[in-house]
């Protein structure tokens, strides 16, 4: 949890020449076991270091999801 707070507090680099948006499907216990999509956004800096830019959890990767996710990643 501390690592998340540190990552969120640091200022982002000015440029990420490579970004990757992926989807991992995981079983999550929310009263009952459900399959959720975990969507990390990873950027590679000019120094070739990978950084987690953000992540979200959703039911799946629908068109509505991508219409919300892409503008957040660009901003």
PDB file of N, CA and C in Angstrom:
ATOM      1  N   UNK A   1       0.821  -1.190   0.000  1.00  0.00           N
ATOM      2  CA  UNK A   1       0.000   0.000   0.000  1.00  0.00           C
ATOM      3  C   UNK A   1       0.866   1.255   0.000  1.00  0.00           C
ATOM      4  N   UNK A   2       1.970   1.223   0.721  1.00  0.00           N
ATOM      5  CA  UNK A   2       2.873   2.373   0.763  1.00  0.00           C
ATOM      6  C   UNK A   2       3.452   2.651  -0.613  1.00  0.00           C
ATOM      7  N   UNK A   3       3.755   1.586  -1.362  1.00  0.00           N
ATOM      8  CA  UNK A   3       4.296   1.746  -2.712  1.00  0.00           C
ATOM      9  C   UNK A   3       3.297   2.464  -3.612  1.00  0.00           C
ATOM     10  N   UNK A   4       1.998   2.167  -3.470  1.00  0.00           N
ATOM     11  CA  UNK A   4       0.967   2.847  -4.251  1.00  0.00           C
ATOM     12  C   UNK A   4       0.930   4.335  -3.932  1.00  0.00           C
ATOM     13  N   UNK A   5       1.002   4.685  -2.663  1.00  0.00           N
ATOM     14  CA  UNK A   5       0.965   6.098  -2.256  1.00  0.00           C
ATOM     15  C   UNK A   5       2.175   6.846  -2.811  1.00  0.00           C
ATOM     16  N   UNK A   6       3.353   6.208  -2.778  1.00  0.00           N
ATOM     17  CA  UNK A   6       4.568   6.823  -3.307  1.00  0.00           C
ATOM     18  C   UNK A   6       4.446   7.044  -4.807  1.00  0.00           C
ATOM     19  N   UNK A   7       3.941   6.031  -5.527  1.00  0.00           N
ATOM     20  CA  UNK A   7       3.792   6.121  -6.970  1.00  0.00           C
ATOM     21  C   UNK A   7       2.802   7.222  -7.349  1.00  0.00           C
ATOM     22  N   UNK A   8       1.716   7.321  -6.602  1.00  0.00           N
ATOM     23  CA  UNK A   8       0.701   8.314  -6.911  1.00  0.00           C
ATOM     24  C   UNK A   8       1.164   9.733  -6.595  1.00  0.00           C
ATOM     25  N   UNK A   9       2.072   9.886  -5.631  1.00  0.00           N
ATOM     26  CA  UNK A   9       2.520  11.216  -5.218  1.00  0.00           C
ATOM     27  C   UNK A   9       3.603  11.793  -6.124  1.00  0.00           C
ATOM     28  N   UNK A  10       4.345  10.933  -6.817  1.00  0.00           N
ATOM     29  CA  UNK A  10       5.453  11.440  -7.627  1.00  0.00           C
ATOM     30  C   UNK A  10       4.930  12.091  -8.910  1.00  0.00           C
ATOM     31  N   UNK A  11       5.617  13.113  -9.395  1.00  0.00           N
ATOM     32  CA  UNK A  11       5.203  13.723 -10.652  1.00  0.00           C
ATOM     33  C   UNK A  11       5.550  12.806 -11.829  1.00  0.00           C
ATOM     34  N   UNK A  12       4.710  12.740 -12.846  1.00  0.00           N
ATOM     35  CA  UNK A  12       5.025  11.890 -13.995  1.00  0.00           C
ATOM     36  C   UNK A  12       6.139  12.492 -14.840  1.00  0.00           C
ATOM     37  N   UNK A  13       6.828  11.647 -15.600  1.00  0.00           N
ATOM     38  CA  UNK A  13       7.833  12.135 -16.540  1.00  0.00           C
ATOM     39  C   UNK A  13       7.144  12.970 -17.609  1.00  0.00           C
ATOM     40  N   UNK A  14       7.927  13.773 -18.294  1.00  0.00           N
ATOM     41  CA  UNK A  14       7.349  14.620 -19.349  1.00  0.00           C
ATOM     42  C   UNK A  14       6.998  13.826 -20.595  1.00  0.00           C
ATOM     43  N   UNK A  15       7.646  12.665 -20.794  1.00  0.00           N
ATOM     44  CA  UNK A  15       7.361  11.863 -21.986  1.00  0.00           C
ATOM     45  C   UNK A  15       7.541  10.383 -21.690  1.00  0.00           C
ATOM     46  N   UNK A  16       6.664   9.595 -22.264  1.00  0.00           N
ATOM     47  CA  UNK A  16       6.770   8.141 -22.229  1.00  0.00           C
ATOM     48  C   UNK A  16       6.721   7.671 -23.681  1.00  0.00           C
ATOM     49  N   UNK A  17       7.876   7.374 -24.285  1.00  0.00           N
ATOM     50  CA  UNK A  17       7.874   6.999 -25.701  1.00  0.00           C
ATOM     51  C   UNK A  17       7.114   5.709 -25.983  1.00  0.00           C
ATOM     52  N   UNK A  18       6.992   4.847 -24.988  1.00  0.00           N
ATOM     53  CA  UNK A  18       6.259   3.590 -25.167  1.00  0.00           C
ATOM     54  C   UNK A  18       5.262   3.457 -24.020  1.00  0.00           C
ATOM     55  N   UNK A  19       4.008   3.181 -24.360  1.00  0.00           N
ATOM     56  CA  UNK A  19       3.011   2.874 -23.339  1.00  0.00           C
ATOM     57  C   UNK A  19       2.331   1.562 -23.709  1.00  0.00           C
ATOM     58  N   UNK A  20       1.889   0.855 -22.693  1.00  0.00           N
ATOM     59  CA  UNK A  20       1.212  -0.419 -22.906  1.00  0.00           C
ATOM     60  C   UNK A  20      -0.002  -0.460 -22.005  1.00  0.00           C
ATOM     61  N   UNK A  21      -1.127  -0.801 -22.578  1.00  0.00           N
ATOM     62  CA  UNK A  21      -2.366  -0.961 -21.822  1.00  0.00           C
ATOM     63  C   UNK A  21      -2.773  -2.421 -21.983  1.00  0.00           C
ATOM     64  N   UNK A  22      -2.864  -3.106 -20.876  1.00  0.00           N
ATOM     65  CA  UNK A  22      -3.086  -4.540 -20.913  1.00  0.00           C
ATOM     66  C   UNK A  22      -4.323  -4.876 -20.093  1.00  0.00           C
ATOM     67  N   UNK A  23      -4.690  -6.131 -20.095  1.00  0.00           N
ATOM     68  CA  UNK A  23      -5.821  -6.590 -19.291  1.00  0.00           C
ATOM     69  C   UNK A  23      -5.479  -7.931 -18.671  1.00  0.00           C
ATOM     70  N   UNK A  24      -5.674  -8.012 -17.374  1.00  0.00           N
ATOM     71  CA  UNK A  24      -5.488  -9.258 -16.646  1.00  0.00           C
ATOM     72  C   UNK A  24      -6.839  -9.629 -16.051  1.00  0.00           C
ATOM     73  N   UNK A  25      -7.239 -10.858 -16.191  1.00  0.00           N
ATOM     74  CA  UNK A  25      -8.500 -11.311 -15.608  1.00  0.00           C
ATOM     75  C   UNK A  25      -8.182 -12.040 -14.311  1.00  0.00           C
ATOM     76  N   UNK A  26      -8.805 -11.597 -13.221  1.00  0.00           N
ATOM     77  CA  UNK A  26      -8.530 -12.171 -11.905  1.00  0.00           C
ATOM     78  C   UNK A  26      -9.845 -12.498 -11.207  1.00  0.00           C
ATOM     79  N   UNK A  27      -9.802 -13.517 -10.383  1.00  0.00           N
ATOM     80  CA  UNK A  27     -10.966 -13.868  -9.577  1.00  0.00           C
ATOM     81  C   UNK A  27     -10.907 -13.053  -8.293  1.00  0.00           C
ATOM     82  N   UNK A  28     -11.976 -12.311  -8.010  1.00  0.00           N
ATOM     83  CA  UNK A  28     -12.035 -11.416  -6.862  1.00  0.00           C
ATOM     84  C   UNK A  28     -13.201 -11.857  -5.976  1.00  0.00           C
ATOM     85  N   UNK A  29     -12.958 -11.912  -4.687  1.00  0.00           N
ATOM     86  CA  UNK A  29     -14.011 -12.305  -3.754  1.00  0.00           C
ATOM     87  C   UNK A  29     -14.743 -11.054  -3.263  1.00  0.00           C
ATOM     88  N   UNK A  30     -15.972 -10.883  -3.711  1.00  0.00           N
ATOM     89  CA  UNK A  30     -16.833  -9.779  -3.276  1.00  0.00           C
ATOM     90  C   UNK A  30     -18.156 -10.388  -2.814  1.00  0.00           C
ATOM     91  N   UNK A  31     -18.113 -11.105  -1.716  1.00  0.00           N
ATOM     92  CA  UNK A  31     -19.270 -11.874  -1.284  1.00  0.00           C
ATOM     93  C   UNK A  31     -19.294 -13.207  -2.015  1.00  0.00           C
ATOM     94  N   UNK A  32     -19.235 -13.147  -3.324  1.00  0.00           N
ATOM     95  CA  UNK A  32     -19.101 -14.331  -4.176  1.00  0.00           C
ATOM     96  C   UNK A  32     -17.871 -14.116  -5.054  1.00  0.00           C
ATOM     97  N   UNK A  33     -17.335 -15.181  -5.578  1.00  0.00           N
ATOM     98  CA  UNK A  33     -16.163 -15.058  -6.443  1.00  0.00           C
ATOM     99  C   UNK A  33     -16.616 -14.595  -7.823  1.00  0.00           C
ATOM    100  N   UNK A  34     -16.036 -13.508  -8.300  1.00  0.00           N
ATOM    101  CA  UNK A  34     -16.361 -12.945  -9.615  1.00  0.00           C
ATOM    102  C   UNK A  34     -15.074 -12.722 -10.383  1.00  0.00           C
ATOM    103  N   UNK A  35     -15.174 -12.768 -11.691  1.00  0.00           N
ATOM    104  CA  UNK A  35     -14.013 -12.493 -12.538  1.00  0.00           C
ATOM    105  C   UNK A  35     -14.056 -11.009 -12.904  1.00  0.00           C
ATOM    106  N   UNK A  36     -12.973 -10.292 -12.601  1.00  0.00           N
ATOM    107  CA  UNK A  36     -12.860  -8.862 -12.909  1.00  0.00           C
ATOM    108  C   UNK A  36     -11.684  -8.640 -13.847  1.00  0.00           C
ATOM    109  N   UNK A  37     -11.766  -7.604 -14.641  1.00  0.00           N
ATOM    110  CA  UNK A  37     -10.658  -7.220 -15.509  1.00  0.00           C
ATOM    111  C   UNK A  37      -9.841  -6.154 -14.785  1.00  0.00           C
ATOM    112  N   UNK A  38      -8.545  -6.377 -14.654  1.00  0.00           N
ATOM    113  CA  UNK A  38      -7.639  -5.392 -14.055  1.00  0.00           C
ATOM    114  C   UNK A  38      -6.806  -4.837 -15.197  1.00  0.00           C
ATOM    115  N   UNK A  39      -6.867  -3.520 -15.376  1.00  0.00           N
ATOM    116  CA  UNK A  39      -6.267  -2.874 -16.539  1.00  0.00           C
ATOM    117  C   UNK A  39      -5.121  -1.956 -16.129  1.00  0.00           C
ATOM    118  N   UNK A  40      -3.884  -2.460 -16.138  1.00  0.00           N
ATOM    119  CA  UNK A  40      -2.752  -1.585 -15.820  1.00  0.00           C
ATOM    120  C   UNK A  40      -2.291  -0.798 -17.047  1.00  0.00           C
ATOM    121  N   UNK A  41      -1.850   0.415 -16.818  1.00  0.00           N
ATOM    122  CA  UNK A  41      -1.224   1.222 -17.864  1.00  0.00           C
ATOM    123  C   UNK A  41       0.246   1.357 -17.489  1.00  0.00           C
ATOM    124  N   UNK A  42       1.138   0.898 -18.365  1.00  0.00           N
ATOM    125  CA  UNK A  42       2.569   0.890 -18.087  1.00  0.00           C
ATOM    126  C   UNK A  42       3.264   1.775 -19.111  1.00  0.00           C
ATOM    127  N   UNK A  43       4.165   2.615 -18.644  1.00  0.00           N
ATOM    128  CA  UNK A  43       4.932   3.474 -19.533  1.00  0.00           C
ATOM    129  C   UNK A  43       6.413   3.190 -19.396  1.00  0.00           C
ATOM    130  N   UNK A  44       7.149   3.366 -20.480  1.00  0.00           N
ATOM    131  CA  UNK A  44       8.602   3.206 -20.467  1.00  0.00           C
ATOM    132  C   UNK A  44       9.202   4.598 -20.625  1.00  0.00           C
ATOM    133  N   UNK A  45      10.071   4.984 -19.684  1.00  0.00           N
ATOM    134  CA  UNK A  45      10.676   6.314 -19.710  1.00  0.00           C
ATOM    135  C   UNK A  45      11.811   6.367 -20.731  1.00  0.00           C
ATOM    136  N   UNK A  46      12.353   7.551 -20.938  1.00  0.00           N
ATOM    137  CA  UNK A  46      13.493   7.714 -21.837  1.00  0.00           C
ATOM    138  C   UNK A  46      14.724   6.980 -21.321  1.00  0.00           C
ATOM    139  N   UNK A  47      14.777   6.739 -20.004  1.00  0.00           N
ATOM    140  CA  UNK A  47      15.881   5.988 -19.402  1.00  0.00           C
ATOM    141  C   UNK A  47      15.611   4.481 -19.421  1.00  0.00           C
ATOM    142  N   UNK A  48      14.593   4.060 -20.174  1.00  0.00           N
ATOM    143  CA  UNK A  48      14.216   2.656 -20.337  1.00  0.00           C
ATOM    144  C   UNK A  48      13.785   1.989 -19.040  1.00  0.00           C
ATOM    145  N   UNK A  49      13.138   2.749 -18.163  1.00  0.00           N
ATOM    146  CA  UNK A  49      12.617   2.222 -16.906  1.00  0.00           C
ATOM    147  C   UNK A  49      11.102   2.107 -17.030  1.00  0.00           C
ATOM    148  N   UNK A  50      10.551   0.949 -16.656  1.00  0.00           N
ATOM    149  CA  UNK A  50       9.097   0.748 -16.698  1.00  0.00           C
ATOM    150  C   UNK A  50       8.463   1.352 -15.460  1.00  0.00           C
ATOM    151  N   UNK A  51       7.344   2.037 -15.657  1.00  0.00           N
ATOM    152  CA  UNK A  51       6.610   2.632 -14.548  1.00  0.00           C
ATOM    153  C   UNK A  51       5.131   2.329 -14.712  1.00  0.00           C
ATOM    154  N   UNK A  52       4.458   2.088 -13.593  1.00  0.00           N
ATOM    155  CA  UNK A  52       3.008   1.919 -13.624  1.00  0.00           C
ATOM    156  C   UNK A  52       2.392   3.306 -13.633  1.00  0.00           C
ATOM    157  N   UNK A  53       1.651   3.618 -14.684  1.00  0.00           N
ATOM    158  CA  UNK A  53       1.029   4.929 -14.801  1.00  0.00           C
ATOM    159  C   UNK A  53      -0.336   4.962 -14.130  1.00  0.00           C
ATOM    160  N   UNK A  54      -0.969   3.822 -14.040  1.00  0.00           N
ATOM    161  CA  UNK A  54      -2.277   3.736 -13.402  1.00  0.00           C
ATOM    162  C   UNK A  54      -2.854   2.353 -13.592  1.00  0.00           C
ATOM    163  N   UNK A  55      -3.960   2.119 -12.930  1.00  0.00           N
ATOM    164  CA  UNK A  55      -4.654   0.851 -13.119  1.00  0.00           C
ATOM    165  C   UNK A  55      -6.107   1.049 -12.714  1.00  0.00           C
ATOM    166  N   UNK A  56      -6.948   0.220 -13.284  1.00  0.00           N
ATOM    167  CA  UNK A  56      -8.358   0.278 -12.932  1.00  0.00           C
ATOM    168  C   UNK A  56      -8.913  -1.136 -12.923  1.00  0.00           C
ATOM    169  N   UNK A  57     -10.069  -1.288 -12.328  1.00  0.00           N
ATOM    170  CA  UNK A  57     -10.723  -2.588 -12.249  1.00  0.00           C
ATOM    171  C   UNK A  57     -12.124  -2.438 -12.812  1.00  0.00           C
ATOM    172  N   UNK A  58     -12.528  -3.357 -13.657  1.00  0.00           N
ATOM    173  CA  UNK A  58     -13.844  -3.267 -14.282  1.00  0.00           C
ATOM    174  C   UNK A  58     -14.389  -4.655 -14.549  1.00  0.00           C
ATOM    175  N   UNK A  59     -15.617  -4.711 -15.042  1.00  0.00           N
ATOM    176  CA  UNK A  59     -16.231  -5.987 -15.386  1.00  0.00           C
ATOM    177  C   UNK A  59     -15.578  -6.587 -16.621  1.00  0.00           C
ATOM    178  N   UNK A  60     -15.123  -5.749 -17.538  1.00  0.00           N
ATOM    179  CA  UNK A  60     -14.512  -6.233 -18.769  1.00  0.00           C
ATOM    180  C   UNK A  60     -14.049  -5.064 -19.617  1.00  0.00           C
ATOM    181  N   UNK A  61     -13.521  -5.359 -20.769  1.00  0.00           N
ATOM    182  CA  UNK A  61     -13.012  -4.307 -21.644  1.00  0.00           C
ATOM    183  C   UNK A  61     -14.013  -4.026 -22.757  1.00  0.00           C
ATOM    184  N   UNK A  62     -15.006  -3.244 -22.439  1.00  0.00           N
ATOM    185  CA  UNK A  62     -16.020  -2.882 -23.419  1.00  0.00           C
ATOM    186  C   UNK A  62     -15.626  -1.574 -24.104  1.00  0.00           C
ATOM    187  N   UNK A  63     -16.384  -1.208 -25.098  1.00  0.00           N
ATOM    188  CA  UNK A  63     -16.154   0.066 -25.777  1.00  0.00           C
ATOM    189  C   UNK A  63     -16.293   1.221 -24.799  1.00  0.00           C
ATOM    190  N   UNK A  64     -17.281   1.152 -23.914  1.00  0.00           N
ATOM    191  CA  UNK A  64     -17.464   2.213 -22.912  1.00  0.00           C
ATOM    192  C   UNK A  64     -16.236   2.347 -22.025  1.00  0.00           C
ATOM    193  N   UNK A  65     -15.627   1.204 -21.656  1.00  0.00           N
ATOM    194  CA  UNK A  65     -14.422   1.241 -20.832  1.00  0.00           C
ATOM    195  C   UNK A  65     -13.312   2.005 -21.544  1.00  0.00           C
ATOM    196  N   UNK A  66     -13.024   1.658 -22.809  1.00  0.00           N
ATOM    197  CA  UNK A  66     -11.922   2.288 -23.536  1.00  0.00           C
ATOM    198  C   UNK A  66     -12.185   3.764 -23.810  1.00  0.00           C
ATOM    199  N   UNK A  67     -13.449   4.156 -23.995  1.00  0.00           N
ATOM    200  CA  UNK A  67     -13.749   5.576 -24.198  1.00  0.00           C
ATOM    201  C   UNK A  67     -13.462   6.389 -22.946  1.00  0.00           C
ATOM    202  N   UNK A  68     -13.491   5.754 -21.766  1.00  0.00           N
ATOM    203  CA  UNK A  68     -13.130   6.442 -20.521  1.00  0.00           C
ATOM    204  C   UNK A  68     -11.630   6.296 -20.222  1.00  0.00           C
ATOM    205  N   UNK A  69     -11.044   5.144 -20.516  1.00  0.00           N
ATOM    206  CA  UNK A  69      -9.659   4.862 -20.124  1.00  0.00           C
ATOM    207  C   UNK A  69      -8.634   5.639 -20.943  1.00  0.00           C
ATOM    208  N   UNK A  70      -8.822   5.726 -22.250  1.00  0.00           N
ATOM    209  CA  UNK A  70      -7.824   6.372 -23.111  1.00  0.00           C
ATOM    210  C   UNK A  70      -7.666   7.863 -22.795  1.00  0.00           C
ATOM    211  N   UNK A  71      -8.741   8.636 -22.673  1.00  0.00           N
ATOM    212  CA  UNK A  71      -8.536  10.053 -22.311  1.00  0.00           C
ATOM    213  C   UNK A  71      -7.849  10.245 -20.965  1.00  0.00           C
ATOM    214  N   UNK A  72      -8.109   9.351 -19.985  1.00  0.00           N
ATOM    215  CA  UNK A  72      -7.432   9.454 -18.677  1.00  0.00           C
ATOM    216  C   UNK A  72      -5.943   9.185 -18.833  1.00  0.00           C
ATOM    217  N   UNK A  73      -5.577   8.235 -19.689  1.00  0.00           N
ATOM    218  CA  UNK A  73      -4.157   7.891 -19.881  1.00  0.00           C
ATOM    219  C   UNK A  73      -3.422   9.015 -20.591  1.00  0.00           C
ATOM    220  N   UNK A  74      -4.094   9.719 -21.480  1.00  0.00           N
ATOM    221  CA  UNK A  74      -3.463  10.795 -22.248  1.00  0.00           C
ATOM    222  C   UNK A  74      -3.291  12.042 -21.385  1.00  0.00           C
ATOM    223  N   UNK A  75      -4.239  12.298 -20.494  1.00  0.00           N
ATOM    224  CA  UNK A  75      -4.222  13.527 -19.674  1.00  0.00           C
ATOM    225  C   UNK A  75      -3.069  13.573 -18.722  1.00  0.00           C
TER     226      UNK A  75
END
